[in-house]
Amino acid sequence: MLSLPEARALIATHARAISDSETLPLAAAHKRFVAQDCAALIDVPPAANSAMDGYALRAPSTLPPWSLAVSQTIAAGRPPQPLAAGTAARILTGAEIPAGADAVAIQEDCDRDDDRVIIKVTVTPGENIRPQGQDLSRGQILVAKAQRLSAIDLAILASSGHGSVTVVRRPRVAIVSSGTELVPPGKPLAPGQIYDSNRFALQAMLEDWGCELVDSVHVVDDLEATQTLLRNLAPRVDLLLTSGGVSVGDEDHLKTAITRLGSLDLWKVRLKPGKPLAFGHIQYAPGSTPVIALPGNPVSALMTAALFVKPFIAGLLGRTYEPLVFEHAPASFAIEQPRRRPELMRARIHNGEVVAAPNQSSGVLSSLQWANALAWVEADITIARGAQLPYLPARSFFDL
């Protein structure tokens, strides 16, 4: 039985970066992953421009006030004429600095008298001027390969002249919910049945992580039906994701189905919740498809998806594997009876302390909604109240 770090790294190493890409207009590229480094096509700004409304001039070496003829007016978007010696140019914010000028006097420090301007305060070279390339230099890398495009990234690409960007094809994933007892929400429940919540949560998580959902299906607890479904889905996707049917009960068929159809590379993780986890490959001509089989209990399914599926998806998108990084805060509780397995407890950081959710059952989905952190408790140790406890912020835990 592998530890959490061992299992997480093993699954992530099997992710092969998707080589397919597509070029999209910037308007369609939000949250997509860049397929190659993108560099600035121009300097930004492309020419020195005025940071203020005022008057462009060559800064005199004498003391003010200065009276200069106004030789032109320059607005943003209009090319200036070279500045005539001994004159000033009326200039508006964002307008290009004319050749021969090296400073801008703001209009609040000037008095206009018909075709002349009186500048009342000292102006130094470079004052109120945004130099060419102040923000970005041509050839500068703006977004790196495998970076996810944010709104700011798109603005930077646009400002440097990019109208489109090449991104990685979305990873294609199919979800399989296993369990005869599962019923779609909205239908009445018969005795012994429960609503299928995992499928909807996993679908939303995959969409957040930039995936294309190829299919989302339910299969009853039947080995032949499970094998047939996995065999048919495998050639269509980059990853098969299942929930339920992976424990050791008489009606848990995922482990057997994966073994029969290909290879089982991981079985069980030394972790609570999430022990009954499987990873393997479904073989078909001419290749194979990875499959991650998650536990069926809702908390276990969602937490193991974040722990094991998320880094696998990141690998498909070309990102480097990142081990878990824990923060620390004092525990508001004590653990006097050592755990047999390491445990990720649903918790909340409150007044600087780690507060554990009162019910840690893997079926209590509302505890995940309540939690803003996941506290790590090692096996075979006791914890005193106030001891520093490692935890993962819930938001970064679930976000890619």
Protein backbone atom coordinates (compact mmCIF):
# COMPACT_ATOMS: atom_id res chain seq x y z
CA MET A 1 0.00 0.00 0.00
CA LEU A 2 1.61 3.27 -1.13
CA SER A 3 1.76 6.47 0.88
CA LEU A 4 -0.02 9.59 -0.36
CA PRO A 5 3.15 11.20 -1.80
CA GLU A 6 4.22 7.94 -3.44
CA ALA A 7 0.80 7.26 -5.02
CA ARG A 8 0.37 10.85 -6.13
CA ALA A 9 3.78 10.96 -7.81
CA LEU A 10 3.29 7.54 -9.43
CA ILE A 11 -0.02 8.52 -11.04
CA ALA A 12 1.33 11.91 -12.17
CA THR A 13 4.37 10.32 -13.88
CA HIS A 14 2.04 8.38 -16.18
CA ALA A 15 0.56 11.59 -17.62
CA ARG A 16 1.85 12.19 -21.13
CA ALA A 17 1.61 15.82 -22.24
CA ILE A 18 -0.89 16.29 -25.06
CA SER A 19 0.91 17.28 -28.26
CA ASP A 20 -2.19 18.44 -30.15
CA SER A 21 -2.83 22.17 -30.17
CA GLU A 22 -5.15 24.73 -31.73
CA THR A 23 -4.89 28.43 -32.43
CA LEU A 24 -7.71 30.52 -31.00
CA PRO A 25 -8.62 34.20 -31.07
CA LEU A 26 -7.90 35.84 -27.74
CA ALA A 27 -11.63 36.19 -27.07
CA ALA A 28 -11.94 32.38 -27.01
CA ALA A 29 -8.73 31.58 -25.10
CA HIS A 30 -9.61 32.47 -21.49
CA LYS A 31 -8.42 29.77 -19.04
CA ARG A 32 -6.82 27.71 -21.81
CA PHE A 33 -3.26 26.42 -21.47
CA VAL A 34 -0.58 27.86 -23.71
CA ALA A 35 1.11 25.37 -26.05
CA GLN A 36 4.30 27.41 -26.50
CA ASP A 37 6.02 30.49 -25.12
CA CYS A 38 4.49 33.75 -26.37
CA ALA A 39 6.71 36.79 -26.80
CA ALA A 40 5.84 40.48 -27.22
CA LEU A 41 5.58 41.45 -30.88
CA ILE A 42 6.28 45.12 -30.18
CA ASP A 43 7.53 47.42 -27.46
CA VAL A 44 4.74 48.57 -25.14
CA PRO A 45 4.24 51.47 -25.37
CA PRO A 46 5.51 51.44 -28.98
CA ALA A 47 6.74 55.03 -28.63
CA ALA A 48 7.30 57.46 -25.76
CA ASN A 49 4.02 59.12 -24.81
CA SER A 50 2.67 61.67 -22.39
CA ALA A 51 1.49 60.57 -18.98
CA MET A 52 -0.49 63.80 -18.49
CA ASP A 53 -2.31 66.57 -20.30
CA GLY A 54 0.09 69.48 -20.69
CA TYR A 55 2.85 70.84 -22.90
CA ALA A 56 5.75 68.95 -24.45
CA LEU A 57 9.03 70.84 -24.59
CA ARG A 58 12.75 70.51 -24.34
CA ALA A 59 13.48 71.17 -20.68
CA PRO A 60 15.29 74.54 -20.43
CA SER A 61 18.46 74.92 -18.36
CA THR A 62 17.35 78.29 -17.00
CA LEU A 63 14.96 78.95 -14.14
CA PRO A 64 11.20 79.37 -14.75
CA PRO A 65 8.93 80.96 -15.74
CA TRP A 66 9.31 80.29 -19.44
CA SER A 67 7.18 81.72 -22.23
CA LEU A 68 7.06 79.51 -25.34
CA ALA A 69 5.10 79.62 -28.57
CA VAL A 70 2.67 76.72 -28.99
CA SER A 71 3.62 75.19 -32.33
CA GLN A 72 1.18 72.23 -32.53
CA THR A 73 -1.45 70.23 -30.70
CA ILE A 74 -0.96 66.47 -30.35
CA ALA A 75 -3.79 64.11 -29.40
CA ALA A 76 -3.52 60.35 -28.83
CA GLY A 77 -3.58 58.45 -32.10
CA ARG A 78 -2.19 61.34 -34.20
CA PRO A 79 1.46 61.32 -35.30
CA PRO A 80 3.34 64.43 -34.10
CA GLN A 81 5.59 66.70 -36.09
CA PRO A 82 9.15 67.30 -34.82
CA LEU A 83 9.14 70.04 -32.22
CA ALA A 84 10.34 73.38 -33.54
CA ALA A 85 13.23 74.80 -31.50
CA GLY A 86 12.13 77.17 -28.74
CA THR A 87 8.48 76.09 -28.85
CA ALA A 88 6.14 73.84 -26.90
CA ALA A 89 3.45 71.47 -28.15
CA ARG A 90 0.05 71.17 -26.56
CA ILE A 91 -0.14 67.43 -25.75
CA LEU A 92 -2.89 65.19 -24.35
CA THR A 93 -2.55 62.06 -22.23
CA GLY A 94 -1.33 59.09 -24.25
CA ALA A 95 -0.18 61.16 -27.20
CA GLU A 96 3.22 60.42 -28.73
CA ILE A 97 6.11 62.67 -27.67
CA PRO A 98 7.41 64.67 -30.66
CA ALA A 99 11.04 64.45 -31.67
CA GLY A 100 12.94 67.26 -29.98
CA ALA A 101 10.91 67.20 -26.74
CA ASP A 102 12.17 65.52 -23.58
CA ALA A 103 9.63 66.54 -20.93
CA VAL A 104 5.98 67.39 -20.36
CA ALA A 105 4.82 70.24 -18.14
CA ILE A 106 1.39 69.45 -16.73
CA GLN A 107 -1.33 71.94 -17.61
CA GLU A 108 -1.95 72.82 -13.96
CA ASP A 109 1.55 74.36 -13.88
CA CYS A 110 0.99 76.39 -17.05
CA ASP A 111 -0.91 79.50 -18.16
CA ARG A 112 -2.09 79.77 -21.73
CA ASP A 113 -1.97 83.16 -23.45
CA ASP A 114 -3.38 82.82 -27.00
CA ASP A 115 -0.66 81.09 -29.02
CA ARG A 116 1.87 81.07 -26.18
CA VAL A 117 2.19 79.12 -22.93
CA ILE A 118 3.82 80.27 -19.72
CA ILE A 119 5.39 77.42 -17.75
CA LYS A 120 5.65 78.42 -14.12
CA VAL A 121 7.64 75.58 -12.50
CA THR A 122 10.84 73.70 -13.18
CA VAL A 123 10.54 70.74 -15.58
CA THR A 124 13.28 68.12 -15.77
CA PRO A 125 14.12 65.78 -18.67
CA GLY A 126 11.88 62.68 -18.69
CA GLU A 127 9.24 64.26 -16.48
CA ASN A 128 5.67 63.01 -17.18
CA ILE A 129 6.87 60.86 -20.08
CA ARG A 130 6.21 57.12 -20.42
CA PRO A 131 9.29 55.84 -22.28
CA GLN A 132 9.08 53.42 -25.20
CA GLY A 133 9.03 49.84 -23.88
CA GLN A 134 8.32 50.93 -20.31
CA ASP A 135 5.86 48.06 -19.87
CA LEU A 136 7.07 45.41 -22.30
CA SER A 137 10.04 44.97 -24.62
CA ARG A 138 9.74 43.34 -28.04
CA GLY A 139 10.74 39.66 -27.72
CA GLN A 140 10.04 39.54 -23.99
CA ILE A 141 8.27 36.32 -22.93
CA LEU A 142 4.75 37.24 -21.86
CA VAL A 143 3.26 33.83 -21.09
CA ALA A 144 5.18 30.58 -20.81
CA LYS A 145 4.34 27.18 -22.19
CA ALA A 146 1.71 25.36 -20.06
CA GLN A 147 0.63 28.61 -18.38
CA ARG A 148 -3.12 29.05 -17.95
CA LEU A 149 -4.39 32.24 -19.54
CA SER A 150 -5.96 34.70 -17.11
CA ALA A 151 -7.80 37.88 -18.00
CA ILE A 152 -4.58 39.82 -17.32
CA ASP A 153 -2.59 37.49 -19.57
CA LEU A 154 -5.05 38.09 -22.41
CA ALA A 155 -4.78 41.86 -21.94
CA ILE A 156 -0.97 41.67 -22.04
CA LEU A 157 -1.02 39.54 -25.19
CA ALA A 158 -3.42 41.96 -26.85
CA SER A 159 -1.36 45.01 -25.83
CA SER A 160 1.70 43.50 -27.50
CA GLY A 161 -0.05 42.77 -30.80
CA HIS A 162 -1.26 39.19 -30.49
CA GLY A 163 -4.70 38.61 -31.95
CA SER A 164 -4.60 34.86 -31.35
CA VAL A 165 -2.74 32.31 -29.25
CA THR A 166 -1.87 28.63 -29.65
CA VAL A 167 -3.22 26.49 -26.82
CA VAL A 168 -3.13 22.81 -25.86
CA ARG A 169 -6.10 20.73 -26.90
CA ARG A 170 -8.42 20.15 -23.96
CA PRO A 171 -7.86 16.79 -22.24
CA ARG A 172 -10.73 14.45 -23.08
CA VAL A 173 -12.20 12.67 -20.08
CA ALA A 174 -15.13 10.30 -19.54
CA ILE A 175 -16.78 9.82 -16.15
CA VAL A 176 -18.30 6.52 -15.04
CA SER A 177 -20.46 6.36 -11.90
CA SER A 178 -20.66 2.80 -10.63
CA GLY A 179 -23.43 1.52 -8.39
CA THR A 180 -26.83 -0.09 -8.82
CA GLU A 181 -28.11 2.08 -5.95
CA LEU A 182 -27.45 5.36 -7.80
CA VAL A 183 -30.35 7.41 -9.18
CA PRO A 184 -30.14 10.67 -11.16
CA PRO A 185 -31.24 13.71 -9.12
CA GLY A 186 -34.79 14.77 -9.87
CA LYS A 187 -36.20 11.25 -9.91
CA PRO A 188 -38.00 9.65 -6.95
CA LEU A 189 -35.95 7.33 -4.74
CA ALA A 190 -36.97 3.72 -4.18
CA PRO A 191 -35.92 1.95 -0.96
CA GLY A 192 -32.15 1.40 -0.90
CA GLN A 193 -31.39 4.01 -3.53
CA ILE A 194 -29.39 7.25 -3.26
CA TYR A 195 -28.83 10.18 -5.56
CA ASP A 196 -25.69 10.26 -7.70
CA SER A 197 -23.84 13.40 -6.56
CA ASN A 198 -20.30 12.41 -7.54
CA ARG A 199 -20.89 12.65 -11.27
CA PHE A 200 -21.92 16.30 -11.10
CA ALA A 201 -19.12 17.35 -8.79
CA LEU A 202 -16.47 15.54 -10.83
CA GLN A 203 -17.82 17.03 -14.05
CA ALA A 204 -17.58 20.53 -12.58
CA MET A 205 -14.05 19.88 -11.29
CA LEU A 206 -12.90 18.63 -14.68
CA GLU A 207 -14.37 21.69 -16.38
CA ASP A 208 -12.56 23.91 -13.86
CA TRP A 209 -9.33 22.10 -14.74
CA GLY A 210 -9.75 22.76 -18.46
CA CYS A 211 -11.03 19.37 -19.64
CA GLU A 212 -13.54 18.36 -22.29
CA LEU A 213 -16.12 15.96 -20.91
CA VAL A 214 -16.64 13.34 -23.61
CA ASP A 215 -19.22 11.31 -21.70
CA SER A 216 -20.71 10.93 -18.25
CA VAL A 217 -22.49 7.62 -17.67
CA HIS A 218 -23.81 5.33 -14.99
CA VAL A 219 -23.18 1.59 -14.79
CA VAL A 220 -24.85 -0.93 -12.49
CA ASP A 221 -22.86 -3.34 -10.35
CA ASP A 222 -22.17 -5.90 -13.05
CA LEU A 223 -18.69 -7.01 -14.13
CA GLU A 224 -19.52 -7.64 -17.80
CA ALA A 225 -21.38 -4.35 -18.15
CA THR A 226 -18.48 -2.52 -16.48
CA GLN A 227 -15.90 -4.13 -18.78
CA THR A 228 -17.94 -3.38 -21.89
CA LEU A 229 -18.37 0.25 -20.92
CA LEU A 230 -14.67 0.80 -20.13
CA ARG A 231 -13.63 -0.97 -23.33
CA ASN A 232 -15.90 1.22 -25.45
CA LEU A 233 -14.96 4.51 -23.78
CA ALA A 234 -11.20 4.02 -23.63
CA PRO A 235 -10.29 4.80 -27.29
CA ARG A 236 -12.23 8.09 -27.13
CA VAL A 237 -10.49 9.75 -24.21
CA ASP A 238 -7.18 10.71 -22.58
CA LEU A 239 -8.43 9.57 -19.17
CA LEU A 240 -11.19 7.37 -17.79
CA LEU A 241 -12.42 8.51 -14.39
CA THR A 242 -14.67 6.28 -12.32
CA SER A 243 -16.24 6.58 -8.89
CA GLY A 244 -17.55 3.73 -6.79
CA GLY A 245 -17.17 0.00 -7.23
CA VAL A 246 -13.48 0.03 -6.31
CA SER A 247 -13.55 -1.36 -2.78
CA VAL A 248 -13.55 -5.04 -1.78
CA GLY A 249 -17.27 -5.77 -1.63
CA ASP A 250 -18.97 -8.52 -3.61
CA GLU A 251 -20.44 -5.93 -6.01
CA ASP A 252 -17.25 -3.88 -6.48
CA HIS A 253 -16.05 -4.75 -9.98
CA LEU A 254 -13.74 -1.91 -11.08
CA LYS A 255 -10.50 -3.49 -9.88
CA THR A 256 -11.29 -6.78 -11.65
CA ALA A 257 -12.46 -5.03 -14.81
CA ILE A 258 -9.30 -2.93 -15.08
CA THR A 259 -7.09 -5.97 -14.50
CA ARG A 260 -8.89 -7.99 -17.17
CA LEU A 261 -8.82 -5.19 -19.73
CA GLY A 262 -5.22 -4.11 -19.21
CA SER A 263 -3.06 -3.49 -16.18
CA LEU A 264 -3.55 -2.42 -12.58
CA ASP A 265 -0.61 -0.20 -11.59
CA LEU A 266 -1.82 0.95 -8.16
CA TRP A 267 -4.25 -0.50 -5.68
CA LYS A 268 -5.00 1.17 -2.34
CA VAL A 269 -3.40 4.20 -0.74
CA ARG A 270 -2.43 4.55 2.91
CA LEU A 271 -4.82 7.42 3.48
CA LYS A 272 -8.09 8.32 5.14
CA PRO A 273 -10.38 9.08 3.40
CA GLY A 274 -9.50 7.49 0.08
CA LYS A 275 -7.90 4.12 0.77
CA PRO A 276 -9.75 2.17 -1.99
CA LEU A 277 -8.17 3.93 -4.98
CA ALA A 278 -7.00 2.22 -8.16
CA PHE A 279 -4.95 3.33 -11.15
CA GLY A 280 -4.28 1.37 -14.29
CA HIS A 281 -4.59 1.22 -18.07
CA ILE A 282 -7.22 -0.12 -20.44
CA GLN A 283 -5.49 -1.78 -23.40
CA TYR A 284 -6.81 -1.66 -26.95
CA ALA A 285 -5.34 -1.65 -30.43
CA PRO A 286 -3.28 0.43 -31.01
CA GLY A 287 -2.77 1.84 -27.52
CA SER A 288 -3.99 2.20 -23.96
CA THR A 289 -5.90 4.70 -21.84
CA PRO A 290 -5.20 5.50 -18.19
CA VAL A 291 -8.03 4.96 -15.73
CA ILE A 292 -8.28 6.40 -12.23
CA ALA A 293 -10.88 4.65 -10.08
CA LEU A 294 -12.02 6.77 -7.15
CA PRO A 295 -13.91 5.63 -4.04
CA GLY A 296 -17.69 6.00 -4.10
CA ASN A 297 -18.24 7.87 -0.84
CA PRO A 298 -18.74 11.52 -1.83
CA VAL A 299 -16.04 13.08 0.37
CA SER A 300 -13.54 10.39 -0.58
CA ALA A 301 -14.33 10.79 -4.27
CA LEU A 302 -13.88 14.57 -4.34
CA MET A 303 -10.79 14.63 -2.14
CA THR A 304 -9.02 11.88 -4.09
CA ALA A 305 -9.95 13.62 -7.34
CA ALA A 306 -8.12 16.71 -6.11
CA LEU A 307 -5.21 14.66 -4.82
CA PHE A 308 -4.67 12.32 -7.78
CA VAL A 309 -6.72 13.38 -10.82
CA LYS A 310 -5.76 17.05 -10.69
CA PRO A 311 -1.98 16.48 -11.02
CA PHE A 312 -2.62 13.93 -13.77
CA ILE A 313 -4.64 16.50 -15.74
CA ALA A 314 -1.92 19.07 -15.11
CA GLY A 315 0.59 16.65 -16.63
CA LEU A 316 -1.59 16.17 -19.72
CA LEU A 317 -1.54 19.95 -20.12
CA GLY A 318 2.25 20.06 -19.99
CA ARG A 319 2.67 21.29 -16.44
CA THR A 320 5.42 20.07 -14.12
CA TYR A 321 4.38 17.86 -11.22
CA GLU A 322 4.15 19.79 -7.95
CA PRO A 323 4.18 17.99 -4.58
CA LEU A 324 1.72 19.11 -1.94
CA VAL A 325 2.85 22.15 0.04
CA PHE A 326 1.41 22.45 3.54
CA GLU A 327 0.91 25.52 5.67
CA HIS A 328 0.89 25.31 9.46
CA ALA A 329 -1.31 26.57 12.28
CA PRO A 330 -1.91 25.49 15.90
CA ALA A 331 -4.54 22.80 16.47
CA SER A 332 -7.61 23.82 18.46
CA PHE A 333 -8.05 20.17 19.47
CA ALA A 334 -6.04 17.24 20.79
CA ILE A 335 -5.67 13.73 19.38
CA GLU A 336 -4.90 11.28 22.14
CA GLN A 337 -5.60 8.07 20.23
CA PRO A 338 -3.16 7.63 17.30
CA ARG A 339 -4.64 7.01 13.85
CA ARG A 340 -3.84 3.78 12.02
CA ARG A 341 -3.61 5.65 8.71
CA PRO A 342 -2.63 9.23 7.89
CA GLU A 343 -5.74 11.36 7.64
CA LEU A 344 -6.76 14.52 5.82
CA MET A 345 -9.34 16.04 8.12
CA ARG A 346 -11.88 18.58 6.96
CA ALA A 347 -11.16 21.69 8.95
CA ARG A 348 -11.56 25.43 9.16
CA ILE A 349 -8.92 28.03 9.96
CA HIS A 350 -10.60 30.21 12.59
CA ASN A 351 -8.86 32.85 14.72
CA GLY A 352 -5.55 31.46 13.53
CA GLU A 353 -6.26 27.90 14.67
CA VAL A 354 -7.18 24.67 12.91
CA VAL A 355 -10.73 23.70 13.89
CA ALA A 356 -11.78 20.19 12.87
CA ALA A 357 -15.20 19.48 11.38
CA PRO A 358 -17.23 17.66 14.06
CA ASN A 359 -18.14 14.78 11.72
CA GLN A 360 -15.31 13.30 9.64
CA SER A 361 -17.41 10.58 7.98
CA SER A 362 -16.63 10.23 4.28
CA GLY A 363 -20.34 10.38 3.55
CA VAL A 364 -20.84 13.83 5.10
CA LEU A 365 -20.50 15.97 2.00
CA SER A 366 -21.63 19.11 3.82
CA SER A 367 -18.37 19.04 5.81
CA LEU A 368 -16.48 19.86 2.59
CA GLN A 369 -18.76 22.84 2.00
CA TRP A 370 -18.03 24.02 5.55
CA ALA A 371 -14.28 23.47 5.42
CA ASN A 372 -11.75 26.01 4.19
CA ALA A 373 -8.78 23.78 4.95
CA LEU A 374 -7.70 20.13 5.08
CA ALA A 375 -5.56 19.26 8.09
CA TRP A 376 -2.92 16.54 7.80
CA VAL A 377 -2.66 14.13 10.73
CA GLU A 378 0.10 11.55 10.54
CA ALA A 379 -0.50 7.97 11.63
CA ASP A 380 0.76 6.57 14.93
CA ILE A 381 1.17 9.91 16.70
CA THR A 382 -0.71 11.95 19.27
CA ILE A 383 -1.29 15.68 18.95
CA ALA A 384 -1.52 18.14 21.81
CA ARG A 385 -3.83 21.11 21.66
CA GLY A 386 -1.85 24.06 20.33
CA ALA A 387 0.65 21.90 18.42
CA GLN A 388 1.51 23.08 14.93
CA LEU A 389 -0.57 21.12 12.43
CA PRO A 390 0.05 20.95 8.67
CA TYR A 391 -2.91 21.91 6.50
CA LEU A 392 -3.84 22.59 2.88
CA PRO A 393 -5.99 25.62 2.07
CA ALA A 394 -9.15 24.18 0.52
CA ARG A 395 -9.24 26.65 -2.38
CA SER A 396 -5.74 25.84 -3.67
CA PHE A 397 -6.39 22.16 -2.97
CA PHE A 398 -9.26 22.04 -5.45
CA ASP A 399 -7.99 24.64 -7.95
CA LEU A 400 -5.60 23.70 -10.76
